[in-house]
Amino acid sequence: MEESAHTQEVGTRVRAFFGLPLPEPQRAAMAEFLSGCAASAPGFRWTPGSNLHLTIRFIGQADVAVVDAIADRLGRASSPAFDVELGELGTFKRGRLVRVVWRGLVLGSEDVTALARRVDAECVAAGFATEKRPFQAHLTLARARARAGAPLPPLGRLPRPGPWRVNELVLYQSRLGRAGAVYEPLRVLELD
């Protein structure tokens, strides 16, 4: 993997995660779908199109030098590019109420999972706890506004924007604000 360089102050802490960005055709199709969902299911906070990604490993608050070192190690390792395609809707529930709405993959789930294992291993080597929950490749679409969850009404027809080639892994910074989170790439690691 090759990487793009960036600089930040030493000792800076960031809220970070690794993810796979969506190419513009897939992002645009999903953003249009989500804008319709916001009107039909107001009990959920729908992900803005600019934030759509497949999360590989959430890190949380960490020193930028630590996450940079993880990215350096991942950048030196060879990871193959692969194809993915979005699948059906799924939910994470608490009882009968939905807490998270997501979209799975019909293509590339095994490759995404293998990449997540490599990233998790590097995070553990850097001193972070391993992920306790089994990894499930998905695109988060919405979170319930109420902590307990909300009923999910029927949503519109899912767009089928087609498969794409995943050729980069991104280390993102998540900046929390009143309008929600804004994701900013810190590093881009090229997949072979």
Protein backbone atom coordinates (compact mmCIF):
# COMPACT_ATOMS: atom_id res chain seq x y z
CA MET A 1 0.00 0.00 0.00
CA GLU A 2 1.18 3.49 -0.75
CA GLU A 3 -0.05 6.43 1.21
CA SER A 4 -0.53 10.15 0.93
CA ALA A 5 1.36 12.26 3.44
CA HIS A 6 -0.09 14.73 5.90
CA THR A 7 1.18 16.68 8.85
CA GLN A 8 -0.36 17.59 12.21
CA GLU A 9 0.91 18.94 15.47
CA VAL A 10 2.64 16.43 17.72
CA GLY A 11 0.50 15.51 20.73
CA THR A 12 -2.79 16.37 19.00
CA ARG A 13 -5.68 14.07 19.88
CA VAL A 14 -8.26 13.09 17.31
CA ARG A 15 -11.43 11.00 17.20
CA ALA A 16 -10.42 8.54 14.50
CA PHE A 17 -11.54 5.53 12.51
CA PHE A 18 -10.56 3.58 9.39
CA GLY A 19 -13.12 3.30 6.62
CA LEU A 20 -13.77 2.69 2.94
CA PRO A 21 -15.23 5.65 1.03
CA LEU A 22 -18.03 5.28 -1.50
CA PRO A 23 -17.34 6.44 -5.06
CA GLU A 24 -19.49 9.33 -6.28
CA PRO A 25 -22.13 7.29 -8.25
CA GLN A 26 -22.86 5.08 -5.21
CA ARG A 27 -22.73 8.03 -2.81
CA ALA A 28 -25.12 10.11 -4.94
CA ALA A 29 -27.62 7.26 -5.33
CA MET A 30 -27.61 6.54 -1.60
CA ALA A 31 -27.81 10.24 -0.65
CA GLU A 32 -30.93 10.64 -2.78
CA PHE A 33 -32.48 7.55 -1.18
CA LEU A 34 -31.65 8.80 2.34
CA SER A 35 -33.17 12.23 1.71
CA GLY A 36 -36.49 10.49 1.01
CA CYS A 37 -36.12 8.36 4.13
CA ALA A 38 -35.71 11.44 6.33
CA ALA A 39 -39.26 12.52 5.52
CA SER A 40 -40.84 9.07 5.93
CA ALA A 41 -38.92 8.08 9.09
CA PRO A 42 -38.28 11.23 11.19
CA GLY A 43 -37.52 9.13 14.29
CA PHE A 44 -34.04 8.53 12.83
CA ARG A 45 -30.96 10.66 12.15
CA TRP A 46 -30.12 9.80 8.55
CA THR A 47 -26.46 9.83 7.50
CA PRO A 48 -25.56 12.78 5.25
CA GLY A 49 -24.34 11.71 1.83
CA SER A 50 -20.93 13.27 2.50
CA ASN A 51 -20.42 10.93 5.48
CA LEU A 52 -21.30 7.63 3.78
CA HIS A 53 -18.55 5.02 4.18
CA LEU A 54 -18.00 1.43 5.26
CA THR A 55 -16.42 1.48 8.73
CA ILE A 56 -13.47 -0.86 9.06
CA ARG A 57 -12.36 -0.03 12.62
CA PHE A 58 -13.51 2.70 15.00
CA ILE A 59 -10.65 3.84 17.22
CA GLY A 60 -12.11 6.76 19.18
CA GLN A 61 -10.01 9.43 20.89
CA ALA A 62 -6.31 8.85 20.31
CA ASP A 63 -3.07 10.73 19.85
CA VAL A 64 -2.55 11.51 16.18
CA ALA A 65 0.99 10.06 16.36
CA VAL A 66 -0.45 6.70 17.45
CA VAL A 67 -3.02 6.49 14.64
CA ASP A 68 -0.39 7.76 12.20
CA ALA A 69 1.91 4.91 13.26
CA ILE A 70 -0.92 2.40 12.69
CA ALA A 71 -1.45 3.87 9.22
CA ASP A 72 2.31 3.67 8.57
CA ARG A 73 2.35 -0.06 9.40
CA LEU A 74 -0.73 -0.71 7.28
CA GLY A 75 0.84 1.29 4.45
CA ARG A 76 3.93 -0.92 4.46
CA ALA A 77 1.83 -4.10 4.27
CA SER A 78 0.46 -5.24 0.95
CA SER A 79 -3.33 -5.42 0.86
CA PRO A 80 -5.17 -6.29 -2.35
CA ALA A 81 -7.86 -4.14 -3.93
CA PHE A 82 -11.25 -5.85 -4.26
CA ASP A 83 -14.80 -5.35 -5.54
CA VAL A 84 -17.86 -4.67 -3.39
CA GLU A 85 -21.56 -4.13 -4.04
CA LEU A 86 -24.30 -2.95 -1.71
CA GLY A 87 -27.00 -5.44 -0.75
CA GLU A 88 -30.18 -5.36 1.31
CA LEU A 89 -31.23 -3.30 4.32
CA GLY A 90 -30.66 -4.62 7.80
CA THR A 91 -31.20 -3.33 11.32
CA PHE A 92 -29.69 -3.57 14.76
CA LYS A 93 -32.54 -3.76 17.25
CA ARG A 94 -33.30 -3.56 20.93
CA GLY A 95 -36.41 -5.67 21.35
CA ARG A 96 -38.85 -4.58 18.66
CA LEU A 97 -37.38 -1.12 18.26
CA VAL A 98 -34.73 -0.35 15.66
CA ARG A 99 -31.57 1.40 16.85
CA VAL A 100 -29.53 1.38 13.61
CA VAL A 101 -30.50 1.00 9.94
CA TRP A 102 -27.76 -0.31 7.66
CA ARG A 103 -27.15 -1.78 4.24
CA GLY A 104 -25.13 -4.94 3.83
CA LEU A 105 -23.00 -6.19 0.97
CA VAL A 106 -23.79 -8.81 -1.68
CA LEU A 107 -20.23 -8.75 -2.97
CA GLY A 108 -16.93 -8.30 -1.15
CA SER A 109 -17.98 -8.99 2.43
CA GLU A 110 -15.19 -11.53 2.95
CA ASP A 111 -12.57 -9.12 1.61
CA VAL A 112 -13.84 -6.28 3.81
CA THR A 113 -13.79 -8.61 6.83
CA ALA A 114 -10.21 -9.71 6.07
CA LEU A 115 -9.11 -6.07 5.82
CA ALA A 116 -10.90 -5.30 9.11
CA ARG A 117 -8.98 -8.13 10.80
CA ARG A 118 -5.65 -6.70 9.59
CA VAL A 119 -6.56 -3.20 10.77
CA ASP A 120 -7.80 -4.52 14.13
CA ALA A 121 -4.54 -6.45 14.61
CA GLU A 122 -2.52 -3.26 14.05
CA CYS A 123 -4.77 -1.36 16.47
CA VAL A 124 -4.28 -4.07 19.11
CA ALA A 125 -0.51 -3.94 18.52
CA ALA A 126 -0.71 -0.19 19.21
CA GLY A 127 -2.41 -0.83 22.56
CA PHE A 128 -6.11 -0.60 21.72
CA ALA A 129 -8.50 -3.32 22.86
CA THR A 130 -9.61 -5.76 20.20
CA GLU A 131 -13.15 -5.43 18.93
CA LYS A 132 -15.43 -7.59 21.07
CA ARG A 133 -18.34 -7.81 18.65
CA PRO A 134 -17.90 -9.86 15.47
CA PHE A 135 -17.25 -7.64 12.46
CA GLN A 136 -20.16 -7.25 10.06
CA ALA A 137 -19.48 -5.31 6.86
CA HIS A 138 -22.19 -2.68 6.43
CA LEU A 139 -22.99 0.88 5.46
CA THR A 140 -24.67 2.73 8.36
CA LEU A 141 -27.68 4.65 7.05
CA ALA A 142 -29.40 5.93 10.21
CA ARG A 143 -29.49 5.88 14.00
CA ALA A 144 -32.63 6.20 16.10
CA ARG A 145 -33.05 9.59 17.76
CA ALA A 146 -34.43 7.94 20.91
CA ARG A 147 -31.91 5.94 22.92
CA ALA A 148 -34.27 2.96 23.15
CA GLY A 149 -34.82 2.90 19.40
CA ALA A 150 -37.81 3.61 17.18
CA PRO A 151 -40.23 1.74 14.94
CA LEU A 152 -39.06 1.72 11.33
CA PRO A 153 -41.75 2.42 8.73
CA PRO A 154 -41.44 0.97 5.22
CA LEU A 155 -38.80 2.80 3.21
CA GLY A 156 -38.66 3.51 -0.49
CA ARG A 157 -37.12 1.29 -3.11
CA LEU A 158 -33.39 0.74 -2.62
CA PRO A 159 -31.16 2.07 -5.38
CA ARG A 160 -28.87 -0.46 -7.09
CA PRO A 161 -25.86 1.65 -8.08
CA GLY A 162 -23.72 -1.35 -9.00
CA PRO A 163 -20.36 -2.71 -7.80
CA TRP A 164 -17.16 -0.73 -7.42
CA ARG A 165 -13.47 -1.40 -6.91
CA VAL A 166 -12.17 -0.65 -3.41
CA ASN A 167 -8.63 0.60 -3.93
CA GLU A 168 -8.08 2.76 -0.83
CA LEU A 169 -8.39 2.57 2.93
CA VAL A 170 -8.88 5.92 4.65
CA LEU A 171 -7.94 7.01 8.16
CA TYR A 172 -10.64 9.53 9.05
CA GLN A 173 -10.94 12.14 11.76
CA SER A 174 -14.47 12.61 13.10
CA ARG A 175 -15.25 16.14 14.29
CA LEU A 176 -18.41 16.30 16.39
CA GLY A 177 -20.56 19.43 16.20
CA ARG A 178 -24.11 20.68 16.70
CA ALA A 179 -25.03 19.77 13.14
CA GLY A 180 -23.57 16.26 13.54
CA ALA A 181 -20.24 14.65 12.77
CA VAL A 182 -17.99 15.76 9.93
CA TYR A 183 -15.52 13.19 8.60
CA GLU A 184 -12.18 14.43 7.31
CA PRO A 185 -9.55 12.15 5.73
CA LEU A 186 -6.23 12.19 7.58
CA ARG A 187 -4.48 9.52 5.51
CA VAL A 188 -5.31 7.62 2.35
CA LEU A 189 -3.69 4.19 1.98
CA GLU A 190 -3.70 2.73 -1.52
CA LEU A 191 -4.63 -0.94 -1.88
CA ASP A 192 -2.60 -2.93 -4.44
